[in-house]
């Protein structure tokens, strides 16, 4: 299981735009629905994605993130009428150890909008999901 964080190029707040946020979420759901991974929790911040998931047996982490960023970046670039990368190259990943409490990490991920001062209640933030909530 992995906790992955990836940012937009130059930390541009593309996901303040609901249409842009939905494009990324659509690609994330496609990866889940097509067996690339099992998604447990995620939050899409204005300029980054935090995601907790377990990879499917045939899909390495690097290939999975390249697919997400490539497909969503292409759709976002077209929508925003921009050329060049939408996402920063690379990502930060943390492979969870067996003893780590997955729900604690999921709560940490989901609380990002609260810590950033974007909302006072997580229910007011539109771009998140978790299997336990």
C-alpha atoms as a PDB file:
ATOM      1  CA  UNK A   1       0.000   0.000   0.000  1.00  0.00           C
ATOM      2  CA  UNK A   2       1.253   3.479  -0.886  1.00  0.00           C
ATOM      3  CA  UNK A   3       0.648   7.052   0.165  1.00  0.00           C
ATOM      4  CA  UNK A   4       1.564   9.149  -2.877  1.00  0.00           C
ATOM      5  CA  UNK A   5       1.740  12.925  -3.225  1.00  0.00           C
ATOM      6  CA  UNK A   6       2.189  14.617  -6.580  1.00  0.00           C
ATOM      7  CA  UNK A   7       2.067  18.329  -7.384  1.00  0.00           C
ATOM      8  CA  UNK A   8       1.185  20.457 -10.362  1.00  0.00           C
ATOM      9  CA  UNK A   9       3.991  22.180 -12.233  1.00  0.00           C
ATOM     10  CA  UNK A  10       4.984  25.372 -10.421  1.00  0.00           C
ATOM     11  CA  UNK A  11       2.263  24.528  -7.861  1.00  0.00           C
ATOM     12  CA  UNK A  12      -0.380  26.106 -10.097  1.00  0.00           C
ATOM     13  CA  UNK A  13      -3.844  25.765  -8.489  1.00  0.00           C
ATOM     14  CA  UNK A  14      -5.484  24.064 -11.484  1.00  0.00           C
ATOM     15  CA  UNK A  15      -7.877  22.136  -9.273  1.00  0.00           C
ATOM     16  CA  UNK A  16      -9.610  25.253  -8.013  1.00  0.00           C
ATOM     17  CA  UNK A  17     -11.492  24.790 -11.294  1.00  0.00           C
ATOM     18  CA  UNK A  18     -14.138  22.074 -10.739  1.00  0.00           C
ATOM     19  CA  UNK A  19     -13.891  20.881 -14.357  1.00  0.00           C
ATOM     20  CA  UNK A  20     -10.145  20.306 -13.952  1.00  0.00           C
ATOM     21  CA  UNK A  21     -10.621  18.522 -10.638  1.00  0.00           C
ATOM     22  CA  UNK A  22     -13.211  16.213 -12.202  1.00  0.00           C
ATOM     23  CA  UNK A  23     -10.800  15.291 -15.021  1.00  0.00           C
ATOM     24  CA  UNK A  24      -8.201  14.035 -12.546  1.00  0.00           C
ATOM     25  CA  UNK A  25     -10.809  12.226 -10.448  1.00  0.00           C
ATOM     26  CA  UNK A  26     -12.165  10.531 -13.589  1.00  0.00           C
ATOM     27  CA  UNK A  27      -8.669   9.186 -14.376  1.00  0.00           C
ATOM     28  CA  UNK A  28      -8.190   8.039 -10.764  1.00  0.00           C
ATOM     29  CA  UNK A  29     -11.495   6.174 -10.847  1.00  0.00           C
ATOM     30  CA  UNK A  30     -10.553   4.622 -14.179  1.00  0.00           C
ATOM     31  CA  UNK A  31      -7.381   3.191 -12.656  1.00  0.00           C
ATOM     32  CA  UNK A  32      -9.415   1.783  -9.770  1.00  0.00           C
ATOM     33  CA  UNK A  33     -12.225   0.425 -11.958  1.00  0.00           C
ATOM     34  CA  UNK A  34      -9.791  -1.210 -14.407  1.00  0.00           C
ATOM     35  CA  UNK A  35      -7.865  -3.075 -11.706  1.00  0.00           C
ATOM     36  CA  UNK A  36      -4.693  -1.007 -11.699  1.00  0.00           C
ATOM     37  CA  UNK A  37      -5.177  -0.314  -7.995  1.00  0.00           C
ATOM     38  CA  UNK A  38      -7.568  -0.301  -5.065  1.00  0.00           C
ATOM     39  CA  UNK A  39      -8.161   3.224  -3.844  1.00  0.00           C
ATOM     40  CA  UNK A  40      -8.615   3.755  -0.089  1.00  0.00           C
ATOM     41  CA  UNK A  41      -8.459   7.537   0.402  1.00  0.00           C
ATOM     42  CA  UNK A  42      -7.577  10.642  -1.568  1.00  0.00           C
ATOM     43  CA  UNK A  43      -7.826  14.405  -1.513  1.00  0.00           C
ATOM     44  CA  UNK A  44      -7.274  16.669  -4.489  1.00  0.00           C
ATOM     45  CA  UNK A  45      -5.928  19.995  -3.250  1.00  0.00           C
ATOM     46  CA  UNK A  46      -5.753  23.070  -5.523  1.00  0.00           C
ATOM     47  CA  UNK A  47      -2.173  22.215  -6.555  1.00  0.00           C
ATOM     48  CA  UNK A  48      -1.575  18.592  -5.570  1.00  0.00           C
ATOM     49  CA  UNK A  49      -2.986  15.125  -5.038  1.00  0.00           C
ATOM     50  CA  UNK A  50      -2.620  12.972  -1.916  1.00  0.00           C
ATOM     51  CA  UNK A  51      -3.670   9.369  -2.519  1.00  0.00           C
ATOM     52  CA  UNK A  52      -3.661   6.146  -0.489  1.00  0.00           C
ATOM     53  CA  UNK A  53      -3.958   2.995  -2.588  1.00  0.00           C
ATOM     54  CA  UNK A  54      -2.819  -0.581  -3.084  1.00  0.00           C
ATOM     55  CA  UNK A  55      -1.453  -1.546  -6.481  1.00  0.00           C
ATOM     56  CA  UNK A  56      -2.937  -4.336  -8.549  1.00  0.00           C
ATOM     57  CA  UNK A  57      -0.681  -7.357  -9.142  1.00  0.00           C
ATOM     58  CA  UNK A  58       0.389  -6.410 -12.678  1.00  0.00           C
ATOM     59  CA  UNK A  59       0.995  -2.687 -12.344  1.00  0.00           C
ATOM     60  CA  UNK A  60       4.146  -1.095 -10.889  1.00  0.00           C
ATOM     61  CA  UNK A  61       3.918   2.229  -9.091  1.00  0.00           C
ATOM     62  CA  UNK A  62       5.900   4.228 -11.654  1.00  0.00           C
ATOM     63  CA  UNK A  63       3.784   3.009 -14.574  1.00  0.00           C
ATOM     64  CA  UNK A  64       0.560   3.686 -12.674  1.00  0.00           C
ATOM     65  CA  UNK A  65       1.524   7.282 -11.837  1.00  0.00           C
ATOM     66  CA  UNK A  66       2.764   7.889 -15.390  1.00  0.00           C
ATOM     67  CA  UNK A  67      -0.616   6.761 -16.684  1.00  0.00           C
ATOM     68  CA  UNK A  68      -2.546   8.982 -14.264  1.00  0.00           C
ATOM     69  CA  UNK A  69      -0.401  12.043 -14.894  1.00  0.00           C
ATOM     70  CA  UNK A  70      -0.133  11.469 -18.635  1.00  0.00           C
ATOM     71  CA  UNK A  71      -3.832  10.970 -19.293  1.00  0.00           C
ATOM     72  CA  UNK A  72      -5.038  13.654 -16.899  1.00  0.00           C
ATOM     73  CA  UNK A  73      -2.304  16.051 -18.031  1.00  0.00           C
ATOM     74  CA  UNK A  74      -3.330  15.653 -21.649  1.00  0.00           C
ATOM     75  CA  UNK A  75      -7.002  16.298 -20.835  1.00  0.00           C
ATOM     76  CA  UNK A  76      -6.138  19.259 -18.602  1.00  0.00           C
ATOM     77  CA  UNK A  77      -3.782  20.764 -21.162  1.00  0.00           C
ATOM     78  CA  UNK A  78      -6.487  20.591 -23.805  1.00  0.00           C
ATOM     79  CA  UNK A  79      -9.105  22.070 -21.461  1.00  0.00           C
ATOM     80  CA  UNK A  80      -6.804  24.848 -20.244  1.00  0.00           C
ATOM     81  CA  UNK A  81      -5.450  25.465 -23.752  1.00  0.00           C
ATOM     82  CA  UNK A  82      -1.913  25.038 -22.444  1.00  0.00           C
ATOM     83  CA  UNK A  83       1.076  23.300 -23.906  1.00  0.00           C
ATOM     84  CA  UNK A  84       3.731  21.763 -21.735  1.00  0.00           C
ATOM     85  CA  UNK A  85       3.482  19.738 -18.564  1.00  0.00           C
ATOM     86  CA  UNK A  86       0.620  20.139 -16.101  1.00  0.00           C
ATOM     87  CA  UNK A  87       2.237  17.977 -13.410  1.00  0.00           C
ATOM     88  CA  UNK A  88       5.672  18.269 -11.823  1.00  0.00           C
ATOM     89  CA  UNK A  89       7.934  15.409 -12.818  1.00  0.00           C
ATOM     90  CA  UNK A  90       8.111  12.691 -10.209  1.00  0.00           C
ATOM     91  CA  UNK A  91       6.153  12.208  -7.014  1.00  0.00           C
ATOM     92  CA  UNK A  92       6.696  11.434  -3.345  1.00  0.00           C
ATOM     93  CA  UNK A  93       5.711   7.949  -2.250  1.00  0.00           C
ATOM     94  CA  UNK A  94       5.647   6.230   1.100  1.00  0.00           C
ATOM     95  CA  UNK A  95       5.226   2.459   1.138  1.00  0.00           C
ATOM     96  CA  UNK A  96       3.242   1.604   4.250  1.00  0.00           C
ATOM     97  CA  UNK A  97       4.616  -0.952   6.667  1.00  0.00           C
ATOM     98  CA  UNK A  98       2.329  -3.682   7.967  1.00  0.00           C
ATOM     99  CA  UNK A  99       2.117  -2.138  11.424  1.00  0.00           C
ATOM    100  CA  UNK A 100       1.127   1.314  10.196  1.00  0.00           C
ATOM    101  CA  UNK A 101      -2.492   2.201  10.832  1.00  0.00           C
ATOM    102  CA  UNK A 102      -4.038   2.731   7.417  1.00  0.00           C
ATOM    103  CA  UNK A 103      -7.056   4.586   8.799  1.00  0.00           C
ATOM    104  CA  UNK A 104      -4.821   7.061  10.650  1.00  0.00           C
ATOM    105  CA  UNK A 105      -2.984   7.807   7.401  1.00  0.00           C
ATOM    106  CA  UNK A 106      -6.306   8.106   5.544  1.00  0.00           C
ATOM    107  CA  UNK A 107      -7.551  10.631   8.129  1.00  0.00           C
ATOM    108  CA  UNK A 108      -4.310  12.579   7.750  1.00  0.00           C
ATOM    109  CA  UNK A 109      -4.770  12.676   3.962  1.00  0.00           C
ATOM    110  CA  UNK A 110      -8.414  13.733   4.172  1.00  0.00           C
ATOM    111  CA  UNK A 111      -7.632  16.478   6.726  1.00  0.00           C
ATOM    112  CA  UNK A 112      -5.320  18.349   4.327  1.00  0.00           C
ATOM    113  CA  UNK A 113      -7.968  20.958   3.350  1.00  0.00           C
ATOM    114  CA  UNK A 114      -8.604  21.652   7.056  1.00  0.00           C
ATOM    115  CA  UNK A 115      -4.896  22.111   7.821  1.00  0.00           C
ATOM    116  CA  UNK A 116      -4.524  24.368   4.763  1.00  0.00           C
ATOM    117  CA  UNK A 117      -7.405  26.552   5.974  1.00  0.00           C
ATOM    118  CA  UNK A 118      -9.495  25.906   2.855  1.00  0.00           C
ATOM    119  CA  UNK A 119     -12.547  24.817   4.882  1.00  0.00           C
ATOM    120  CA  UNK A 120     -13.601  24.617   8.516  1.00  0.00           C
ATOM    121  CA  UNK A 121     -15.342  21.235   8.053  1.00  0.00           C
ATOM    122  CA  UNK A 122     -14.094  18.491   5.738  1.00  0.00           C
ATOM    123  CA  UNK A 123     -17.654  17.926   4.518  1.00  0.00           C
ATOM    124  CA  UNK A 124     -17.477  21.373   2.920  1.00  0.00           C
ATOM    125  CA  UNK A 125     -14.528  20.378   0.708  1.00  0.00           C
ATOM    126  CA  UNK A 126     -15.691  18.739  -2.535  1.00  0.00           C
ATOM    127  CA  UNK A 127     -12.633  16.803  -3.761  1.00  0.00           C
ATOM    128  CA  UNK A 128     -11.972  13.861  -1.446  1.00  0.00           C
ATOM    129  CA  UNK A 129     -13.103  10.316  -0.752  1.00  0.00           C
ATOM    130  CA  UNK A 130     -12.287   7.452   1.596  1.00  0.00           C
ATOM    131  CA  UNK A 131     -13.647   3.926   1.814  1.00  0.00           C
ATOM    132  CA  UNK A 132     -14.261   4.278   5.566  1.00  0.00           C
ATOM    133  CA  UNK A 133     -16.238   7.516   5.497  1.00  0.00           C
END
